[in-house]
Protein backbone atom coordinates (compact mmCIF):
# COMPACT_ATOMS: atom_id res chain seq x y z
CA MET A 1 0.00 0.00 0.00
CA THR A 2 1.07 3.61 -0.44
CA LEU A 3 0.31 6.67 1.69
CA GLU A 4 0.66 10.09 0.09
CA ASP A 5 0.29 13.68 1.28
CA GLU A 6 1.75 17.07 0.35
CA THR A 7 5.17 16.08 1.73
CA GLY A 8 5.61 12.91 -0.32
CA VAL A 9 4.99 9.18 -0.50
CA ILE A 10 5.43 6.46 2.12
CA ASN A 11 5.17 2.76 1.37
CA VAL A 12 3.25 0.54 3.78
CA VAL A 13 4.87 -2.89 3.85
CA CYS A 14 2.49 -5.59 5.09
CA PRO A 15 4.37 -8.81 5.86
CA PRO A 16 2.34 -11.89 4.86
CA PRO A 17 1.20 -12.80 8.42
CA VAL A 18 -0.05 -9.23 9.01
CA PHE A 19 -1.82 -9.10 5.64
CA GLN A 20 -3.45 -12.48 6.18
CA ARG A 21 -4.66 -11.47 9.65
CA HIS A 22 -6.11 -8.15 8.35
CA ARG A 23 -6.92 -9.13 4.75
CA GLY A 24 -10.60 -8.15 4.96
CA LEU A 25 -9.74 -4.65 6.14
CA ALA A 26 -6.86 -4.20 3.70
CA VAL A 27 -9.10 -5.04 0.76
CA ASP A 28 -12.40 -3.48 1.81
CA ALA A 29 -11.85 -0.54 4.21
CA GLN A 30 -12.36 3.02 2.98
CA ALA A 31 -9.57 4.24 5.28
CA LEU A 32 -7.05 2.52 7.55
CA LEU A 33 -5.07 3.28 10.66
CA VAL A 34 -1.67 1.63 10.31
CA ASN A 35 0.45 0.73 13.33
CA GLY A 36 4.04 -0.19 12.65
CA ARG A 37 7.68 0.77 12.58
CA LEU A 38 8.99 3.66 10.47
CA GLU A 39 12.03 2.75 8.34
CA ARG A 40 14.21 5.06 6.24
CA VAL A 41 16.84 3.51 4.00
CA ASP A 42 18.61 5.17 1.05
CA GLY A 43 16.03 7.98 0.84
CA VAL A 44 13.05 5.61 0.82
CA THR A 45 10.54 5.79 3.68
CA ASN A 46 8.49 2.74 4.64
CA VAL A 47 6.14 1.79 7.44
CA ARG A 48 6.44 -1.91 8.27
CA ALA A 49 2.87 -2.64 9.39
CA THR A 50 2.19 -4.65 12.53
CA ARG A 51 -1.55 -3.93 12.74
CA LEU A 52 -4.31 -2.47 10.58
CA ARG A 53 -7.54 -0.97 11.92
CA ARG A 54 -10.56 0.49 10.20
CA LEU A 55 -10.79 4.29 10.31
CA PRO A 56 -14.47 5.28 10.27
CA VAL A 57 -15.34 7.59 7.37
CA PRO A 58 -18.75 9.21 7.07
CA GLY A 59 -20.50 8.39 3.79
CA ARG A 60 -19.22 6.03 1.12
CA VAL A 61 -16.20 6.57 -1.11
CA ARG A 62 -16.93 5.61 -4.72
CA ALA A 63 -13.32 5.01 -5.83
CA ARG A 64 -10.01 4.37 -4.11
CA ASN A 65 -7.94 5.82 -6.97
CA PHE A 66 -7.26 9.47 -6.16
CA ARG A 67 -5.43 10.42 -9.39
């Protein structure tokens, strides 16, 4: 997954056990809270996810592609 704001892009790395445990949320949630460890290596910033939680969003988002 990728998080993006006005300051740049951060990759969210979901190791297989974390993704399998939270697969339903990762695929279906409109917004997520990601717990994990921040890593910066060679100018690349990642969050290694340890837990995903649903972030309640009022209404329904029609698309998840914000381009």
